[in-house]
PDB file of N, CA and C in Angstrom:
ATOM      1  N   MET A   1      -5.094 -28.610 -21.896  1.00  0.00           N
ATOM      2  CA  MET A   1      -5.448 -28.041 -21.421  1.00  0.00           C
ATOM      3  C   MET A   1      -4.341 -26.771 -21.073  1.00  0.00           C
ATOM      4  N   GLU A   2      -4.702 -25.800 -21.920  1.00  0.00           N
ATOM      5  CA  GLU A   2      -3.498 -24.108 -22.320  1.00  0.00           C
ATOM      6  C   GLU A   2      -3.943 -23.228 -21.212  1.00  0.00           C
ATOM      7  N   ILE A   3      -2.951 -21.418 -19.889  1.00  0.00           N
ATOM      8  CA  ILE A   3      -3.147 -21.457 -19.748  1.00  0.00           C
ATOM      9  C   ILE A   3      -2.285 -19.905 -21.077  1.00  0.00           C
ATOM     10  N   ALA A   4      -3.726 -19.828 -21.449  1.00  0.00           N
ATOM     11  CA  ALA A   4      -3.622 -18.000 -21.568  1.00  0.00           C
ATOM     12  C   ALA A   4      -3.817 -16.605 -21.151  1.00  0.00           C
ATOM     13  N   GLY A   5      -2.862 -16.112 -21.146  1.00  0.00           N
ATOM     14  CA  GLY A   5      -2.486 -14.859 -20.747  1.00  0.00           C
ATOM     15  C   GLY A   5      -1.105 -14.369 -19.779  1.00  0.00           C
ATOM     16  N   SER A   6      -1.012 -13.755 -19.240  1.00  0.00           N
ATOM     17  CA  SER A   6       0.279 -12.868 -18.904  1.00  0.00           C
ATOM     18  C   SER A   6       0.340 -13.235 -16.741  1.00  0.00           C
ATOM     19  N   LEU A   7       1.840 -14.032 -16.484  1.00  0.00           N
ATOM     20  CA  LEU A   7       1.308 -14.508 -15.596  1.00  0.00           C
ATOM     21  C   LEU A   7       1.372 -12.447 -14.749  1.00  0.00           C
ATOM     22  N   ASN A   8       2.542 -12.023 -15.292  1.00  0.00           N
ATOM     23  CA  ASN A   8       2.322 -10.692 -14.892  1.00  0.00           C
ATOM     24  C   ASN A   8       1.875 -10.145 -13.845  1.00  0.00           C
ATOM     25  N   ALA A   9       0.549  -9.994 -14.463  1.00  0.00           N
ATOM     26  CA  ALA A   9      -0.898  -9.061 -14.435  1.00  0.00           C
ATOM     27  C   ALA A   9      -1.832  -9.354 -12.623  1.00  0.00           C
ATOM     28  N   ILE A  10      -1.416 -11.211 -12.669  1.00  0.00           N
ATOM     29  CA  ILE A  10      -1.515 -11.803 -11.912  1.00  0.00           C
ATOM     30  C   ILE A  10      -0.725 -11.923 -10.199  1.00  0.00           C
ATOM     31  N   GLY A  11       0.522 -11.296 -10.955  1.00  0.00           N
ATOM     32  CA  GLY A  11       1.564 -10.853 -10.382  1.00  0.00           C
ATOM     33  C   GLY A  11       0.968  -9.636  -9.239  1.00  0.00           C
ATOM     34  N   TYR A  12       0.795  -9.211 -10.483  1.00  0.00           N
ATOM     35  CA  TYR A  12       0.749  -7.363  -9.865  1.00  0.00           C
ATOM     36  C   TYR A  12      -0.437  -7.530  -9.421  1.00  0.00           C
ATOM     37  N   GLY A  13      -1.279  -8.310  -9.459  1.00  0.00           N
ATOM     38  CA  GLY A  13      -2.742  -8.331  -8.476  1.00  0.00           C
ATOM     39  C   GLY A  13      -2.635  -8.742  -7.273  1.00  0.00           C
ATOM     40  N   LEU A  14      -1.579  -9.864  -6.859  1.00  0.00           N
ATOM     41  CA  LEU A  14      -1.620 -10.238  -5.592  1.00  0.00           C
ATOM     42  C   LEU A  14      -0.529  -9.323  -4.632  1.00  0.00           C
ATOM     43  N   ALA A  15       0.226  -8.138  -5.330  1.00  0.00           N
ATOM     44  CA  ALA A  15       0.812  -7.432  -4.892  1.00  0.00           C
ATOM     45  C   ALA A  15       0.740  -6.230  -5.034  1.00  0.00           C
ATOM     46  N   SER A  16      -0.870  -6.651  -4.997  1.00  0.00           N
ATOM     47  CA  SER A  16      -1.435  -4.927  -5.165  1.00  0.00           C
ATOM     48  C   SER A  16      -2.388  -5.220  -3.166  1.00  0.00           C
ATOM     49  N   ILE A  17      -2.537  -6.621  -2.993  1.00  0.00           N
ATOM     50  CA  ILE A  17      -3.649  -7.166  -2.533  1.00  0.00           C
ATOM     51  C   ILE A  17      -2.494  -6.377  -1.231  1.00  0.00           C
ATOM     52  N   GLY A  18      -1.761  -6.888  -0.953  1.00  0.00           N
ATOM     53  CA  GLY A  18      -0.116  -6.208  -0.645  1.00  0.00           C
ATOM     54  C   GLY A  18       0.004  -4.774   0.289  1.00  0.00           C
ATOM     55  N   GLY A  19      -0.679  -4.124  -1.068  1.00  0.00           N
ATOM     56  CA  GLY A  19      -0.427  -2.592  -0.601  1.00  0.00           C
ATOM     57  C   GLY A  19      -1.566  -2.450  -0.229  1.00  0.00           C
ATOM     58  N   GLY A  20      -2.567  -2.485  -0.262  1.00  0.00           N
ATOM     59  CA  GLY A  20      -3.610  -1.976   0.137  1.00  0.00           C
ATOM     60  C   GLY A  20      -4.323  -2.472   1.467  1.00  0.00           C
ATOM     61  N   ILE A  21      -3.647  -3.077   1.807  1.00  0.00           N
ATOM     62  CA  ILE A  21      -4.250  -3.631   3.259  1.00  0.00           C
ATOM     63  C   ILE A  21      -2.134  -3.417   4.218  1.00  0.00           C
ATOM     64  N   GLY A  22      -1.468  -3.048   3.519  1.00  0.00           N
ATOM     65  CA  GLY A  22      -0.337  -2.055   4.595  1.00  0.00           C
ATOM     66  C   GLY A  22      -1.250  -0.374   4.677  1.00  0.00           C
ATOM     67  N   VAL A  23      -2.245  -0.081   3.605  1.00  0.00           N
ATOM     68  CA  VAL A  23      -2.450   1.451   3.717  1.00  0.00           C
ATOM     69  C   VAL A  23      -3.763   0.885   4.856  1.00  0.00           C
ATOM     70  N   GLY A  24      -4.633   0.264   5.061  1.00  0.00           N
ATOM     71  CA  GLY A  24      -5.466   0.185   5.582  1.00  0.00           C
ATOM     72  C   GLY A  24      -4.624  -0.118   7.448  1.00  0.00           C
ATOM     73  N   LEU A  25      -4.328  -0.557   7.507  1.00  0.00           N
ATOM     74  CA  LEU A  25      -3.430  -0.382   8.068  1.00  0.00           C
ATOM     75  C   LEU A  25      -2.931   0.250   8.860  1.00  0.00           C
ATOM     76  N   ILE A  26      -2.287   1.400   7.776  1.00  0.00           N
ATOM     77  CA  ILE A  26      -1.197   2.384   9.024  1.00  0.00           C
ATOM     78  C   ILE A  26      -2.697   3.109   8.485  1.00  0.00           C
ATOM     79  N   PHE A  27      -3.924   3.604   8.366  1.00  0.00           N
ATOM     80  CA  PHE A  27      -5.079   4.611   8.999  1.00  0.00           C
ATOM     81  C   PHE A  27      -5.632   3.777  10.204  1.00  0.00           C
ATOM     82  N   ALA A  28      -5.487   2.909   9.706  1.00  0.00           N
ATOM     83  CA  ALA A  28      -6.311   2.448  11.770  1.00  0.00           C
ATOM     84  C   ALA A  28      -5.312   2.889  12.655  1.00  0.00           C
ATOM     85  N   ALA A  29      -4.452   2.752  12.486  1.00  0.00           N
ATOM     86  CA  ALA A  29      -3.523   2.880  13.633  1.00  0.00           C
ATOM     87  C   ALA A  29      -3.864   3.788  13.648  1.00  0.00           C
ATOM     88  N   TYR A  30      -3.360   5.092  12.919  1.00  0.00           N
ATOM     89  CA  TYR A  30      -4.102   6.156  12.755  1.00  0.00           C
ATOM     90  C   TYR A  30      -5.277   6.847  14.115  1.00  0.00           C
ATOM     91  N   MET A  31      -6.159   6.075  12.849  1.00  0.00           N
ATOM     92  CA  MET A  31      -7.506   6.766  13.925  1.00  0.00           C
ATOM     93  C   MET A  31      -7.438   6.311  15.310  1.00  0.00           C
ATOM     94  N   THR A  32      -6.618   4.917  15.173  1.00  0.00           N
ATOM     95  CA  THR A  32      -6.646   4.661  17.557  1.00  0.00           C
ATOM     96  C   THR A  32      -5.968   5.720  18.104  1.00  0.00           C
ATOM     97  N   SER A  33      -4.778   5.485  17.306  1.00  0.00           N
ATOM     98  CA  SER A  33      -4.390   7.313  18.515  1.00  0.00           C
ATOM     99  C   SER A  33      -4.017   7.419  18.586  1.00  0.00           C
ATOM    100  N   VAL A  34      -5.212   8.238  17.664  1.00  0.00           N
ATOM    101  CA  VAL A  34      -5.450  10.157  17.439  1.00  0.00           C
ATOM    102  C   VAL A  34      -7.471  10.139  18.503  1.00  0.00           C
ATOM    103  N   ALA A  35      -7.486   9.109  17.924  1.00  0.00           N
ATOM    104  CA  ALA A  35      -8.541   8.822  19.517  1.00  0.00           C
ATOM    105  C   ALA A  35      -8.255   8.830  20.762  1.00  0.00           C
ATOM    106  N   ARG A  36      -7.812   7.892  20.791  1.00  0.00           N
ATOM    107  CA  ARG A  36      -7.373   7.765  22.114  1.00  0.00           C
ATOM    108  C   ARG A  36      -6.484   9.196  23.178  1.00  0.00           C
ATOM    109  N   GLN A  37      -5.755  10.242  21.806  1.00  0.00           N
ATOM    110  CA  GLN A  37      -4.971  10.751  22.161  1.00  0.00           C
ATOM    111  C   GLN A  37      -4.930  11.974  21.027  1.00  0.00           C
ATOM    112  N   PRO A  38      -6.093  12.832  21.559  1.00  0.00           N
ATOM    113  CA  PRO A  38      -5.776  14.184  20.019  1.00  0.00           C
ATOM    114  C   PRO A  38      -5.187  15.123  19.894  1.00  0.00           C
ATOM    115  N   GLU A  39      -5.047  14.678  20.360  1.00  0.00           N
ATOM    116  CA  GLU A  39      -3.856  16.217  20.988  1.00  0.00           C
ATOM    117  C   GLU A  39      -2.180  15.858  20.137  1.00  0.00           C
ATOM    118  N   SER A  40      -2.588  14.822  19.883  1.00  0.00           N
ATOM    119  CA  SER A  40      -0.833  14.258  19.390  1.00  0.00           C
ATOM    120  C   SER A  40      -0.923  13.928  17.701  1.00  0.00           C
ATOM    121  N   GLN A  41      -2.712  14.919  17.178  1.00  0.00           N
ATOM    122  CA  GLN A  41      -2.330  14.639  16.079  1.00  0.00           C
ATOM    123  C   GLN A  41      -1.226  14.803  14.636  1.00  0.00           C
ATOM    124  N   ARG A  42      -0.806  16.439  15.884  1.00  0.00           N
ATOM    125  CA  ARG A  42      -0.207  17.397  14.481  1.00  0.00           C
ATOM    126  C   ARG A  42       1.104  16.842  14.980  1.00  0.00           C
ATOM    127  N   THR A  43       1.633  15.892  15.424  1.00  0.00           N
ATOM    128  CA  THR A  43       2.350  14.820  15.605  1.00  0.00           C
ATOM    129  C   THR A  43       2.578  13.739  14.981  1.00  0.00           C
ATOM    130  N   LEU A  44       1.559  12.997  15.054  1.00  0.00           N
ATOM    131  CA  LEU A  44       1.584  11.956  14.346  1.00  0.00           C
ATOM    132  C   LEU A  44       0.766  11.704  12.395  1.00  0.00           C
ATOM    133  N   GLN A  45       0.165  12.400  12.174  1.00  0.00           N
ATOM    134  CA  GLN A  45      -0.126  13.194  10.885  1.00  0.00           C
ATOM    135  C   GLN A  45       1.301  13.426   9.972  1.00  0.00           C
ATOM    136  N   PRO A  46       2.122  13.556   9.926  1.00  0.00           N
ATOM    137  CA  PRO A  46       3.355  13.579   8.902  1.00  0.00           C
ATOM    138  C   PRO A  46       3.729  12.370   8.631  1.00  0.00           C
ATOM    139  N   MET A  47       3.840  11.688   9.669  1.00  0.00           N
ATOM    140  CA  MET A  47       4.030  10.053   9.793  1.00  0.00           C
ATOM    141  C   MET A  47       3.301   9.503   8.748  1.00  0.00           C
ATOM    142  N   LEU A  48       2.006  10.002   9.017  1.00  0.00           N
ATOM    143  CA  LEU A  48       1.222   8.957   8.608  1.00  0.00           C
ATOM    144  C   LEU A  48       1.345   9.061   6.870  1.00  0.00           C
ATOM    145  N   PHE A  49       1.615  10.768   5.782  1.00  0.00           N
ATOM    146  CA  PHE A  49       1.264  10.592   5.323  1.00  0.00           C
ATOM    147  C   PHE A  49       2.548  10.109   4.817  1.00  0.00           C
ATOM    148  N   MET A  50       3.929   9.500   5.380  1.00  0.00           N
ATOM    149  CA  MET A  50       5.389   9.299   5.129  1.00  0.00           C
ATOM    150  C   MET A  50       5.082   8.205   5.003  1.00  0.00           C
ATOM    151  N   GLY A  51       4.278   6.764   5.664  1.00  0.00           N
ATOM    152  CA  GLY A  51       3.677   5.724   5.261  1.00  0.00           C
ATOM    153  C   GLY A  51       3.017   5.385   4.746  1.00  0.00           C
ATOM    154  N   PHE A  52       2.224   6.330   3.696  1.00  0.00           N
ATOM    155  CA  PHE A  52       0.886   5.638   3.195  1.00  0.00           C
ATOM    156  C   PHE A  52       1.745   6.484   1.743  1.00  0.00           C
ATOM    157  N   ALA A  53       3.259   6.701   1.252  1.00  0.00           N
ATOM    158  CA  ALA A  53       3.681   7.326   0.627  1.00  0.00           C
ATOM    159  C   ALA A  53       4.888   6.147  -0.179  1.00  0.00           C
ATOM    160  N   VAL A  54       4.906   5.603   1.253  1.00  0.00           N
ATOM    161  CA  VAL A  54       6.126   4.495   1.153  1.00  0.00           C
ATOM    162  C   VAL A  54       4.961   3.045   0.111  1.00  0.00           C
ATOM    163  N   VAL A  55       4.734   2.720   1.115  1.00  0.00           N
ATOM    164  CA  VAL A  55       3.307   1.877   1.158  1.00  0.00           C
ATOM    165  C   VAL A  55       2.998   1.905  -0.990  1.00  0.00           C
ATOM    166  N   GLU A  56       2.666   3.276  -0.784  1.00  0.00           N
ATOM    167  CA  GLU A  56       1.878   3.390  -2.740  1.00  0.00           C
ATOM    168  C   GLU A  56       2.349   3.042  -3.385  1.00  0.00           C
ATOM    169  N   ALA A  57       4.445   3.975  -3.098  1.00  0.00           N
ATOM    170  CA  ALA A  57       5.386   3.951  -4.045  1.00  0.00           C
ATOM    171  C   ALA A  57       5.768   2.275  -4.783  1.00  0.00           C
ATOM    172  N   LEU A  58       5.921   1.276  -3.153  1.00  0.00           N
ATOM    173  CA  LEU A  58       6.150   0.070  -3.543  1.00  0.00           C
ATOM    174  C   LEU A  58       5.127  -0.847  -4.565  1.00  0.00           C
ATOM    175  N   ALA A  59       3.477  -0.008  -4.154  1.00  0.00           N
ATOM    176  CA  ALA A  59       2.591  -0.588  -4.760  1.00  0.00           C
ATOM    177  C   ALA A  59       3.156  -0.239  -6.436  1.00  0.00           C
ATOM    178  N   ILE A  60       3.276   0.465  -6.899  1.00  0.00           N
ATOM    179  CA  ILE A  60       3.736   2.112  -8.492  1.00  0.00           C
ATOM    180  C   ILE A  60       5.041   1.217  -8.762  1.00  0.00           C
ATOM    181  N   LEU A  61       5.942   0.177  -8.293  1.00  0.00           N
ATOM    182  CA  LEU A  61       6.809  -0.268  -8.680  1.00  0.00           C
ATOM    183  C   LEU A  61       7.013  -0.873  -8.807  1.00  0.00           C
ATOM    184  N   GLY A  62       5.987  -2.106  -8.205  1.00  0.00           N
ATOM    185  CA  GLY A  62       5.180  -3.526  -8.581  1.00  0.00           C
ATOM    186  C   GLY A  62       4.914  -3.008  -9.635  1.00  0.00           C
ATOM    187  N   LEU A  63       3.993  -2.693 -10.443  1.00  0.00           N
ATOM    188  CA  LEU A  63       3.491  -1.991 -11.261  1.00  0.00           C
ATOM    189  C   LEU A  63       4.531  -1.779 -12.541  1.00  0.00           C
ATOM    190  N   VAL A  64       5.472  -0.817 -11.953  1.00  0.00           N
ATOM    191  CA  VAL A  64       6.069  -0.764 -13.354  1.00  0.00           C
ATOM    192  C   VAL A  64       7.077  -1.767 -14.015  1.00  0.00           C
ATOM    193  N   LEU A  65       7.989  -3.013 -13.043  1.00  0.00           N
ATOM    194  CA  LEU A  65       7.746  -3.708 -13.168  1.00  0.00           C
ATOM    195  C   LEU A  65       7.659  -4.515 -13.535  1.00  0.00           C
ATOM    196  N   ALA A  66       6.199  -5.093 -13.435  1.00  0.00           N
ATOM    197  CA  ALA A  66       5.273  -5.671 -13.822  1.00  0.00           C
ATOM    198  C   ALA A  66       5.165  -5.259 -15.465  1.00  0.00           C
ATOM    199  N   PHE A  67       4.568  -4.390 -15.563  1.00  0.00           N
ATOM    200  CA  PHE A  67       5.537  -3.910 -17.650  1.00  0.00           C
ATOM    201  C   PHE A  67       6.815  -4.567 -17.948  1.00  0.00           C
ATOM    202  N   ILE A  68       7.953  -3.569 -17.408  1.00  0.00           N
ATOM    203  CA  ILE A  68       9.222  -4.062 -17.221  1.00  0.00           C
ATOM    204  C   ILE A  68       9.335  -5.932 -18.134  1.00  0.00           C
ATOM    205  N   VAL A  69       9.429  -6.704 -16.894  1.00  0.00           N
ATOM    206  CA  VAL A  69       9.415  -8.551 -17.223  1.00  0.00           C
ATOM    207  C   VAL A  69       8.580  -8.605 -18.553  1.00  0.00           C
ATOM    208  N   GLY A  70       7.519  -8.039 -18.294  1.00  0.00           N
ATOM    209  CA  GLY A  70       5.975  -8.488 -19.475  1.00  0.00           C
ATOM    210  C   GLY A  70       6.085  -8.203 -20.707  1.00  0.00           C
TER     211      GLY A  70
END
């Protein structure tokens, strides 16, 4: 029995799960903290988007590396 296909796609698929979990945790923590202290929204929102951008950049980097190596 032979395995046909690219292992890069499987690797990127597993890596994208990590990005999805990271984004979910970031937004869950933001919503919890704003629900507890609504006045802190202006302070926390820039940090929310910075964390989101970093997690998504790492996921895109994984996609690029999957294409380069493959």
